[in-house]
Amino acid sequence: MPQLEHYDSANMLASIIAGWNNCLADEKYDESSNPLEIAADLGIILREVIIETKKPFLLRLVDMVLIELGNEISALQSDVQKISLAQER
């Protein structure tokens, strides 16, 4: 029977929580913060933790989520710029 790798889930959770606390300590989030940008920051923290597991499939899944978050954030920023330009005219 193959031996299952043991991951110290407590340390991984602690890493995620520490990363989130660092993001909050930067005070860059407030009521007007874009939830997608917050999710992207959390995804980057999650990606760093997943790298430690050496599970390429999980890493690909996290990368796909980060790519989609980036696409959505980019689209929102583009829409905001278009509205801003239209209002200047």
N, C-alpha and C. Protein backbone atom coordinates (compact mmCIF):
# COMPACT_ATOMS: atom_id res chain seq x y z
N MET A 1 0.85 -1.17 0.00
CA MET A 1 0.00 0.00 0.00
C MET A 1 0.89 1.24 0.00
N PRO A 2 0.62 2.19 -0.92
CA PRO A 2 1.47 3.39 -0.95
C PRO A 2 1.31 4.21 0.32
N GLN A 3 2.42 4.78 0.72
CA GLN A 3 2.40 5.59 1.93
C GLN A 3 1.92 7.00 1.57
N LEU A 4 0.97 7.49 2.34
CA LEU A 4 0.46 8.83 2.10
C LEU A 4 1.40 9.85 2.70
N GLU A 5 1.61 10.92 1.94
CA GLU A 5 2.45 11.99 2.47
C GLU A 5 1.69 12.71 3.57
N HIS A 6 2.39 13.06 4.59
CA HIS A 6 1.77 13.79 5.69
C HIS A 6 2.12 15.27 5.57
N TYR A 7 1.09 16.08 5.60
CA TYR A 7 1.29 17.51 5.58
C TYR A 7 0.91 18.06 6.94
N ASP A 8 1.68 18.96 7.41
CA ASP A 8 1.38 19.59 8.69
C ASP A 8 0.31 20.64 8.43
N SER A 9 -0.93 20.19 8.49
CA SER A 9 -2.03 21.09 8.15
C SER A 9 -2.13 22.27 9.10
N ALA A 10 -1.71 22.08 10.33
CA ALA A 10 -1.74 23.20 11.28
C ALA A 10 -0.76 24.29 10.83
N ASN A 11 0.41 23.89 10.37
CA ASN A 11 1.38 24.88 9.88
C ASN A 11 0.90 25.54 8.60
N MET A 12 0.26 24.77 7.73
CA MET A 12 -0.26 25.34 6.49
C MET A 12 -1.35 26.35 6.79
N LEU A 13 -2.25 26.00 7.69
CA LEU A 13 -3.31 26.93 8.08
C LEU A 13 -2.71 28.18 8.73
N ALA A 14 -1.72 27.97 9.56
CA ALA A 14 -1.05 29.11 10.20
C ALA A 14 -0.41 30.02 9.16
N SER A 15 0.15 29.44 8.10
CA SER A 15 0.75 30.24 7.02
C SER A 15 -0.30 31.07 6.31
N ILE A 16 -1.46 30.46 6.05
CA ILE A 16 -2.54 31.18 5.38
C ILE A 16 -3.03 32.33 6.26
N ILE A 17 -3.24 32.03 7.53
CA ILE A 17 -3.73 33.06 8.46
C ILE A 17 -2.70 34.18 8.61
N ALA A 18 -1.42 33.81 8.72
CA ALA A 18 -0.38 34.83 8.85
C ALA A 18 -0.33 35.72 7.61
N GLY A 19 -0.46 35.11 6.45
CA GLY A 19 -0.47 35.88 5.20
C GLY A 19 -1.65 36.83 5.14
N TRP A 20 -2.81 36.34 5.55
CA TRP A 20 -4.00 37.20 5.56
C TRP A 20 -3.82 38.34 6.56
N ASN A 21 -3.29 38.03 7.74
CA ASN A 21 -3.06 39.07 8.74
C ASN A 21 -2.08 40.13 8.23
N ASN A 22 -1.07 39.69 7.48
CA ASN A 22 -0.13 40.65 6.89
C ASN A 22 -0.83 41.56 5.89
N CYS A 23 -1.73 40.97 5.10
CA CYS A 23 -2.49 41.79 4.15
C CYS A 23 -3.32 42.82 4.88
N LEU A 24 -3.99 42.41 5.95
CA LEU A 24 -4.81 43.34 6.72
C LEU A 24 -3.96 44.41 7.40
N ALA A 25 -2.77 44.01 7.84
CA ALA A 25 -1.90 44.96 8.53
C ALA A 25 -1.44 46.08 7.60
N ASP A 26 -1.40 45.78 6.31
CA ASP A 26 -1.02 46.80 5.33
C ASP A 26 -2.06 47.91 5.23
N GLU A 27 -3.23 47.67 5.80
CA GLU A 27 -4.33 48.64 5.80
C GLU A 27 -4.69 49.09 4.39
N LYS A 28 -4.55 48.19 3.44
CA LYS A 28 -4.93 48.58 2.09
C LYS A 28 -6.37 48.21 1.76
N TYR A 29 -7.06 47.57 2.71
CA TYR A 29 -8.45 47.20 2.50
C TYR A 29 -9.36 48.06 3.36
N ASP A 30 -10.45 48.49 2.76
CA ASP A 30 -11.49 49.18 3.50
C ASP A 30 -12.83 48.82 2.86
N GLU A 31 -13.88 49.55 3.21
CA GLU A 31 -15.21 49.24 2.69
C GLU A 31 -15.28 49.32 1.17
N SER A 32 -14.44 50.15 0.59
CA SER A 32 -14.47 50.33 -0.87
C SER A 32 -13.56 49.35 -1.61
N SER A 33 -12.89 48.48 -0.89
CA SER A 33 -11.97 47.53 -1.53
C SER A 33 -12.73 46.58 -2.45
N ASN A 34 -12.12 46.29 -3.57
CA ASN A 34 -12.70 45.36 -4.53
C ASN A 34 -12.55 43.94 -3.98
N PRO A 35 -13.66 43.22 -3.81
CA PRO A 35 -13.57 41.85 -3.27
C PRO A 35 -12.74 40.92 -4.15
N LEU A 36 -12.70 41.20 -5.45
CA LEU A 36 -11.90 40.35 -6.34
C LEU A 36 -10.41 40.55 -6.08
N GLU A 37 -10.00 41.78 -5.77
CA GLU A 37 -8.60 42.03 -5.45
C GLU A 37 -8.23 41.37 -4.12
N ILE A 38 -9.14 41.38 -3.17
CA ILE A 38 -8.89 40.71 -1.90
C ILE A 38 -8.75 39.20 -2.14
N ALA A 39 -9.64 38.66 -2.97
CA ALA A 39 -9.58 37.23 -3.30
C ALA A 39 -8.27 36.88 -3.99
N ALA A 40 -7.80 37.76 -4.87
CA ALA A 40 -6.53 37.51 -5.57
C ALA A 40 -5.37 37.49 -4.57
N ASP A 41 -5.38 38.43 -3.63
CA ASP A 41 -4.32 38.45 -2.62
C ASP A 41 -4.35 37.16 -1.80
N LEU A 42 -5.55 36.72 -1.43
CA LEU A 42 -5.66 35.46 -0.69
C LEU A 42 -5.22 34.28 -1.55
N GLY A 43 -5.53 34.33 -2.83
CA GLY A 43 -5.13 33.26 -3.74
C GLY A 43 -3.62 33.14 -3.85
N ILE A 44 -2.94 34.28 -3.82
CA ILE A 44 -1.47 34.26 -3.87
C ILE A 44 -0.91 33.61 -2.60
N ILE A 45 -1.53 33.94 -1.47
CA ILE A 45 -1.12 33.30 -0.21
C ILE A 45 -1.37 31.81 -0.28
N LEU A 46 -2.55 31.42 -0.77
CA LEU A 46 -2.89 30.01 -0.91
C LEU A 46 -1.91 29.30 -1.83
N ARG A 47 -1.53 29.96 -2.93
CA ARG A 47 -0.60 29.36 -3.88
C ARG A 47 0.74 29.05 -3.21
N GLU A 48 1.21 29.97 -2.38
CA GLU A 48 2.48 29.74 -1.69
C GLU A 48 2.40 28.52 -0.77
N VAL A 49 1.26 28.33 -0.14
CA VAL A 49 1.08 27.18 0.74
C VAL A 49 0.99 25.89 -0.08
N ILE A 50 0.26 25.94 -1.19
CA ILE A 50 0.09 24.75 -2.04
C ILE A 50 1.42 24.31 -2.63
N ILE A 51 2.30 25.25 -2.91
CA ILE A 51 3.62 24.89 -3.44
C ILE A 51 4.32 23.93 -2.49
N GLU A 52 4.15 24.15 -1.20
CA GLU A 52 4.79 23.29 -0.20
C GLU A 52 4.29 21.85 -0.25
N THR A 53 3.06 21.63 -0.75
CA THR A 53 2.51 20.27 -0.79
C THR A 53 3.06 19.45 -1.96
N LYS A 54 3.67 20.16 -2.91
CA LYS A 54 4.21 19.49 -4.11
C LYS A 54 3.12 18.69 -4.83
N LYS A 55 1.95 19.35 -4.96
CA LYS A 55 0.82 18.75 -5.68
C LYS A 55 0.53 19.61 -6.91
N PRO A 56 1.05 19.20 -8.07
CA PRO A 56 0.92 20.03 -9.27
C PRO A 56 -0.53 20.28 -9.70
N PHE A 57 -1.41 19.32 -9.49
CA PHE A 57 -2.80 19.53 -9.91
C PHE A 57 -3.45 20.62 -9.08
N LEU A 58 -3.24 20.60 -7.77
CA LEU A 58 -3.79 21.65 -6.91
C LEU A 58 -3.21 23.01 -7.29
N LEU A 59 -1.92 23.02 -7.59
CA LEU A 59 -1.28 24.27 -7.98
C LEU A 59 -1.89 24.81 -9.28
N ARG A 60 -2.17 23.92 -10.24
CA ARG A 60 -2.81 24.34 -11.49
C ARG A 60 -4.20 24.92 -11.22
N LEU A 61 -4.94 24.29 -10.31
CA LEU A 61 -6.27 24.80 -9.99
C LEU A 61 -6.19 26.21 -9.39
N VAL A 62 -5.27 26.40 -8.46
CA VAL A 62 -5.10 27.73 -7.86
C VAL A 62 -4.66 28.73 -8.92
N ASP A 63 -3.75 28.32 -9.80
CA ASP A 63 -3.30 29.21 -10.87
C ASP A 63 -4.46 29.60 -11.79
N MET A 64 -5.35 28.64 -12.10
CA MET A 64 -6.49 28.95 -12.96
C MET A 64 -7.40 29.97 -12.29
N VAL A 65 -7.63 29.81 -10.99
CA VAL A 65 -8.46 30.77 -10.26
C VAL A 65 -7.80 32.15 -10.28
N LEU A 66 -6.49 32.19 -10.05
CA LEU A 66 -5.78 33.48 -10.06
C LEU A 66 -5.84 34.14 -11.44
N ILE A 67 -5.72 33.35 -12.49
CA ILE A 67 -5.80 33.90 -13.85
C ILE A 67 -7.19 34.49 -14.09
N GLU A 68 -8.23 33.77 -13.69
CA GLU A 68 -9.59 34.27 -13.88
C GLU A 68 -9.85 35.53 -13.04
N LEU A 69 -9.34 35.55 -11.82
CA LEU A 69 -9.47 36.74 -11.00
C LEU A 69 -8.78 37.93 -11.67
N GLY A 70 -7.60 37.68 -12.20
CA GLY A 70 -6.87 38.73 -12.91
C GLY A 70 -7.64 39.24 -14.12
N ASN A 71 -8.25 38.33 -14.87
CA ASN A 71 -9.05 38.73 -16.03
C ASN A 71 -10.24 39.59 -15.61
N GLU A 72 -10.91 39.19 -14.55
CA GLU A 72 -12.07 39.94 -14.07
C GLU A 72 -11.67 41.32 -13.54
N ILE A 73 -10.58 41.37 -12.79
CA ILE A 73 -10.09 42.66 -12.27
C ILE A 73 -9.71 43.58 -13.42
N SER A 74 -9.04 43.03 -14.42
CA SER A 74 -8.64 43.81 -15.58
C SER A 74 -9.86 44.35 -16.32
N ALA A 75 -10.87 43.51 -16.48
CA ALA A 75 -12.09 43.94 -17.18
C ALA A 75 -12.78 45.06 -16.40
N LEU A 76 -12.84 44.92 -15.07
CA LEU A 76 -13.46 45.97 -14.25
C LEU A 76 -12.70 47.29 -14.37
N GLN A 77 -11.38 47.20 -14.34
CA GLN A 77 -10.57 48.42 -14.44
C GLN A 77 -10.75 49.07 -15.81
N SER A 78 -10.87 48.25 -16.84
CA SER A 78 -11.09 48.78 -18.18
C SER A 78 -12.44 49.49 -18.26
N ASP A 79 -13.47 48.89 -17.64
CA ASP A 79 -14.80 49.51 -17.62
C ASP A 79 -14.76 50.85 -16.88
N VAL A 80 -14.06 50.89 -15.77
CA VAL A 80 -13.95 52.12 -14.99
C VAL A 80 -13.25 53.20 -15.82
N GLN A 81 -12.20 52.84 -16.54
CA GLN A 81 -11.49 53.81 -17.37
C GLN A 81 -12.39 54.33 -18.49
N LYS A 82 -13.18 53.43 -19.10
CA LYS A 82 -14.09 53.87 -20.16
C LYS A 82 -15.12 54.84 -19.63
N ILE A 83 -15.67 54.57 -18.47
CA ILE A 83 -16.67 55.46 -17.86
C ILE A 83 -16.03 56.80 -17.55
N SER A 84 -14.81 56.75 -16.99
CA SER A 84 -14.11 57.98 -16.65
C SER A 84 -13.85 58.84 -17.87
N LEU A 85 -13.42 58.22 -18.97
CA LEU A 85 -13.18 58.95 -20.21
C LEU A 85 -14.47 59.52 -20.78
N ALA A 86 -15.55 58.77 -20.70
CA ALA A 86 -16.83 59.23 -21.22
C ALA A 86 -17.34 60.43 -20.42
N GLN A 87 -17.09 60.45 -19.13
CA GLN A 87 -17.54 61.55 -18.29
C GLN A 87 -16.72 62.82 -18.54
N GLU A 88 -15.48 62.66 -18.98
CA GLU A 88 -14.62 63.83 -19.26
C GLU A 88 -15.06 64.55 -20.52
N ARG A 89 -15.74 63.86 -21.39
CA ARG A 89 -16.12 64.45 -22.69
C ARG A 89 -17.29 65.32 -22.56
